[in-house]
N, C-alpha and C. Protein backbone atom coordinates (compact mmCIF):
# COMPACT_ATOMS: atom_id res chain seq x y z
N MET A 1 57.28 26.40 73.07
CA MET A 1 58.43 26.34 73.95
C MET A 1 57.94 26.45 75.39
N THR A 2 58.43 25.57 76.23
CA THR A 2 58.05 25.59 77.63
C THR A 2 58.83 26.67 78.37
N LEU A 3 58.38 27.00 79.57
CA LEU A 3 59.09 27.98 80.38
C LEU A 3 60.51 27.50 80.67
N GLU A 4 60.65 26.23 80.98
CA GLU A 4 61.99 25.70 81.25
C GLU A 4 62.90 25.87 80.04
N GLU A 5 62.40 25.60 78.85
CA GLU A 5 63.20 25.78 77.63
C GLU A 5 63.57 27.25 77.42
N MET A 6 62.62 28.14 77.71
CA MET A 6 62.90 29.56 77.58
C MET A 6 64.01 29.99 78.53
N LEU A 7 63.92 29.55 79.77
CA LEU A 7 64.90 29.97 80.77
C LEU A 7 66.29 29.39 80.51
N ARG A 8 66.36 28.25 79.85
CA ARG A 8 67.67 27.67 79.51
C ARG A 8 68.38 28.49 78.43
N ARG A 9 67.65 29.33 77.70
CA ARG A 9 68.23 30.12 76.62
C ARG A 9 68.98 31.35 77.11
N ALA A 10 68.75 31.77 78.34
CA ALA A 10 69.32 33.04 78.79
C ALA A 10 69.94 32.94 80.16
N PRO A 11 71.11 33.56 80.33
CA PRO A 11 71.74 33.56 81.66
C PRO A 11 71.00 34.46 82.65
N VAL A 12 70.33 35.49 82.14
CA VAL A 12 69.56 36.42 82.96
C VAL A 12 68.33 36.86 82.17
N VAL A 13 67.35 37.40 82.89
CA VAL A 13 66.18 37.98 82.25
C VAL A 13 66.10 39.43 82.71
N PRO A 14 66.46 40.38 81.84
CA PRO A 14 66.39 41.77 82.25
C PRO A 14 64.95 42.23 82.39
N VAL A 15 64.72 43.08 83.36
CA VAL A 15 63.40 43.67 83.57
C VAL A 15 63.46 45.09 83.00
N LEU A 16 62.69 45.32 81.95
CA LEU A 16 62.74 46.59 81.22
C LEU A 16 61.51 47.43 81.51
N THR A 17 61.73 48.66 81.91
CA THR A 17 60.66 49.63 82.07
C THR A 17 60.85 50.64 80.94
N ILE A 18 60.03 50.51 79.90
CA ILE A 18 60.21 51.31 78.69
C ILE A 18 59.22 52.46 78.70
N GLU A 19 59.74 53.65 78.70
CA GLU A 19 58.92 54.87 78.72
C GLU A 19 58.52 55.33 77.32
N ASP A 20 59.37 55.01 76.33
CA ASP A 20 59.15 55.46 74.95
C ASP A 20 59.20 54.24 74.04
N GLU A 21 58.09 53.94 73.41
CA GLU A 21 57.98 52.76 72.55
C GLU A 21 59.06 52.74 71.47
N ALA A 22 59.50 53.90 71.03
CA ALA A 22 60.53 53.98 69.98
C ALA A 22 61.86 53.38 70.43
N HIS A 23 62.08 53.25 71.73
CA HIS A 23 63.32 52.67 72.23
C HIS A 23 63.27 51.15 72.32
N ALA A 24 62.10 50.57 72.19
CA ALA A 24 61.91 49.14 72.42
C ALA A 24 62.73 48.28 71.46
N VAL A 25 62.63 48.51 70.18
CA VAL A 25 63.30 47.66 69.20
C VAL A 25 64.83 47.79 69.28
N PRO A 26 65.38 49.01 69.30
CA PRO A 26 66.84 49.09 69.42
C PRO A 26 67.36 48.45 70.71
N LEU A 27 66.67 48.64 71.81
CA LEU A 27 67.07 48.02 73.07
C LEU A 27 66.98 46.50 72.98
N GLY A 28 65.88 46.01 72.45
CA GLY A 28 65.70 44.57 72.28
C GLY A 28 66.78 43.96 71.41
N ARG A 29 67.07 44.61 70.30
CA ARG A 29 68.11 44.09 69.39
C ARG A 29 69.47 44.06 70.08
N ALA A 30 69.80 45.11 70.81
CA ALA A 30 71.10 45.17 71.50
C ALA A 30 71.21 44.04 72.52
N LEU A 31 70.16 43.79 73.26
CA LEU A 31 70.20 42.72 74.26
C LEU A 31 70.32 41.35 73.61
N VAL A 32 69.54 41.11 72.57
CA VAL A 32 69.61 39.81 71.88
C VAL A 32 71.00 39.61 71.28
N GLU A 33 71.52 40.64 70.62
CA GLU A 33 72.87 40.54 70.04
C GLU A 33 73.92 40.32 71.11
N GLY A 34 73.68 40.80 72.32
CA GLY A 34 74.60 40.61 73.44
C GLY A 34 74.42 39.29 74.16
N GLY A 35 73.53 38.43 73.65
CA GLY A 35 73.35 37.11 74.24
C GLY A 35 72.25 37.01 75.27
N VAL A 36 71.38 38.01 75.33
CA VAL A 36 70.28 38.00 76.30
C VAL A 36 68.95 38.05 75.53
N PRO A 37 68.42 36.87 75.15
CA PRO A 37 67.21 36.84 74.33
C PRO A 37 65.89 36.94 75.10
N MET A 38 65.92 36.67 76.41
CA MET A 38 64.70 36.73 77.21
C MET A 38 64.54 38.15 77.75
N LEU A 39 63.43 38.80 77.43
CA LEU A 39 63.21 40.20 77.79
C LEU A 39 61.86 40.34 78.48
N GLU A 40 61.87 40.86 79.68
CA GLU A 40 60.62 41.12 80.39
C GLU A 40 60.36 42.63 80.38
N VAL A 41 59.21 43.01 79.82
CA VAL A 41 58.81 44.42 79.80
C VAL A 41 57.73 44.61 80.87
N THR A 42 58.00 45.50 81.81
CA THR A 42 57.01 45.75 82.87
C THR A 42 55.82 46.52 82.31
N LEU A 43 54.67 46.26 82.85
CA LEU A 43 53.45 46.96 82.42
C LEU A 43 53.20 48.21 83.26
N ARG A 44 54.27 48.90 83.64
CA ARG A 44 54.14 50.08 84.49
C ARG A 44 54.10 51.40 83.72
N THR A 45 54.19 51.34 82.40
CA THR A 45 54.16 52.58 81.61
C THR A 45 53.13 52.46 80.50
N PRO A 46 52.65 53.59 80.00
CA PRO A 46 51.72 53.55 78.87
C PRO A 46 52.32 52.95 77.61
N ALA A 47 53.64 52.95 77.49
CA ALA A 47 54.31 52.43 76.29
C ALA A 47 54.54 50.92 76.35
N ALA A 48 54.27 50.29 77.46
CA ALA A 48 54.65 48.89 77.67
C ALA A 48 54.05 47.92 76.65
N LEU A 49 52.76 47.97 76.43
CA LEU A 49 52.13 47.01 75.50
C LEU A 49 52.62 47.23 74.08
N GLY A 50 52.79 48.48 73.68
CA GLY A 50 53.34 48.77 72.36
C GLY A 50 54.77 48.27 72.24
N ALA A 51 55.54 48.40 73.32
CA ALA A 51 56.92 47.91 73.32
C ALA A 51 56.95 46.39 73.17
N ILE A 52 56.09 45.70 73.88
CA ILE A 52 56.01 44.24 73.74
C ILE A 52 55.64 43.88 72.31
N ARG A 53 54.65 44.55 71.78
CA ARG A 53 54.18 44.29 70.41
C ARG A 53 55.32 44.46 69.41
N ARG A 54 56.05 45.55 69.53
CA ARG A 54 57.12 45.84 68.58
C ARG A 54 58.29 44.88 68.73
N ILE A 55 58.69 44.57 69.95
CA ILE A 55 59.80 43.63 70.15
C ILE A 55 59.41 42.26 69.58
N ALA A 56 58.21 41.81 69.90
CA ALA A 56 57.76 40.49 69.42
C ALA A 56 57.75 40.43 67.89
N ALA A 57 57.38 41.51 67.25
CA ALA A 57 57.26 41.53 65.80
C ALA A 57 58.58 41.82 65.08
N GLU A 58 59.46 42.58 65.71
CA GLU A 58 60.61 43.12 64.97
C GLU A 58 61.98 42.64 65.44
N VAL A 59 62.06 42.00 66.58
CA VAL A 59 63.38 41.60 67.10
C VAL A 59 63.53 40.09 66.98
N GLU A 60 64.25 39.68 65.94
CA GLU A 60 64.46 38.26 65.71
C GLU A 60 65.27 37.66 66.85
N GLY A 61 64.80 36.53 67.36
CA GLY A 61 65.49 35.83 68.43
C GLY A 61 65.05 36.23 69.83
N ALA A 62 64.25 37.28 69.93
CA ALA A 62 63.78 37.73 71.25
C ALA A 62 62.61 36.87 71.72
N VAL A 63 62.60 36.59 73.00
CA VAL A 63 61.45 35.98 73.66
C VAL A 63 61.00 37.02 74.67
N VAL A 64 59.91 37.69 74.35
CA VAL A 64 59.47 38.82 75.17
C VAL A 64 58.31 38.41 76.06
N GLY A 65 58.34 38.91 77.28
CA GLY A 65 57.28 38.64 78.23
C GLY A 65 56.88 39.91 78.95
N ALA A 66 55.91 39.78 79.82
CA ALA A 66 55.37 40.93 80.56
C ALA A 66 55.60 40.74 82.06
N GLY A 67 55.94 41.84 82.71
CA GLY A 67 56.07 41.85 84.15
C GLY A 67 55.08 42.84 84.74
N THR A 68 54.94 42.82 86.04
CA THR A 68 53.98 43.66 86.74
C THR A 68 52.57 43.42 86.19
N VAL A 69 52.24 42.15 86.05
CA VAL A 69 50.92 41.73 85.58
C VAL A 69 50.04 41.59 86.81
N LEU A 70 49.11 42.51 86.97
CA LEU A 70 48.32 42.57 88.21
C LEU A 70 46.91 42.03 88.08
N THR A 71 46.39 41.95 86.85
CA THR A 71 45.01 41.51 86.66
C THR A 71 44.94 40.54 85.48
N ALA A 72 43.83 39.84 85.40
CA ALA A 72 43.60 38.96 84.25
C ALA A 72 43.57 39.77 82.96
N ARG A 73 43.03 40.98 83.03
CA ARG A 73 43.00 41.87 81.84
C ARG A 73 44.42 42.22 81.41
N ASP A 74 45.31 42.49 82.36
CA ASP A 74 46.71 42.75 82.03
C ASP A 74 47.30 41.56 81.27
N LEU A 75 47.04 40.36 81.78
CA LEU A 75 47.56 39.16 81.14
C LEU A 75 47.01 39.02 79.73
N ASP A 76 45.72 39.19 79.56
CA ASP A 76 45.11 39.08 78.23
C ASP A 76 45.72 40.08 77.26
N ARG A 77 45.89 41.31 77.70
CA ARG A 77 46.44 42.35 76.83
C ARG A 77 47.90 42.07 76.49
N ALA A 78 48.65 41.55 77.44
CA ALA A 78 50.06 41.22 77.19
C ALA A 78 50.18 40.09 76.17
N VAL A 79 49.37 39.07 76.33
CA VAL A 79 49.38 37.94 75.38
C VAL A 79 48.98 38.43 73.99
N GLU A 80 47.96 39.26 73.91
CA GLU A 80 47.53 39.82 72.62
C GLU A 80 48.66 40.62 71.97
N ALA A 81 49.48 41.26 72.78
CA ALA A 81 50.60 42.07 72.26
C ALA A 81 51.78 41.20 71.83
N GLY A 82 51.79 39.93 72.24
CA GLY A 82 52.88 39.04 71.83
C GLY A 82 53.73 38.49 72.95
N ALA A 83 53.36 38.75 74.20
CA ALA A 83 54.13 38.22 75.33
C ALA A 83 54.05 36.70 75.34
N ARG A 84 55.19 36.08 75.61
CA ARG A 84 55.24 34.62 75.66
C ARG A 84 55.35 34.09 77.08
N PHE A 85 55.51 35.01 78.03
CA PHE A 85 55.50 34.64 79.44
C PHE A 85 55.08 35.85 80.24
N ALA A 86 54.67 35.62 81.47
CA ALA A 86 54.25 36.73 82.35
C ALA A 86 54.55 36.34 83.78
């Protein structure tokens, strides 16, 4: 899926700063069920990569990406976790 195709799926892209990985899946499911499938998780917390990993694996219909990507290593780690955009 191209970036343009991804952006056509959602009216907005929420920017999520997740402090507790356990909140990632319920939050992701609620947003997808509410019609917001594009989810950006910022890499500003220790839980961020785990949150991306869990949303990508467990939230059907979610297209999860990473925000606050500051280095090539950040990008590599986000992609490994399941991010589809950054």
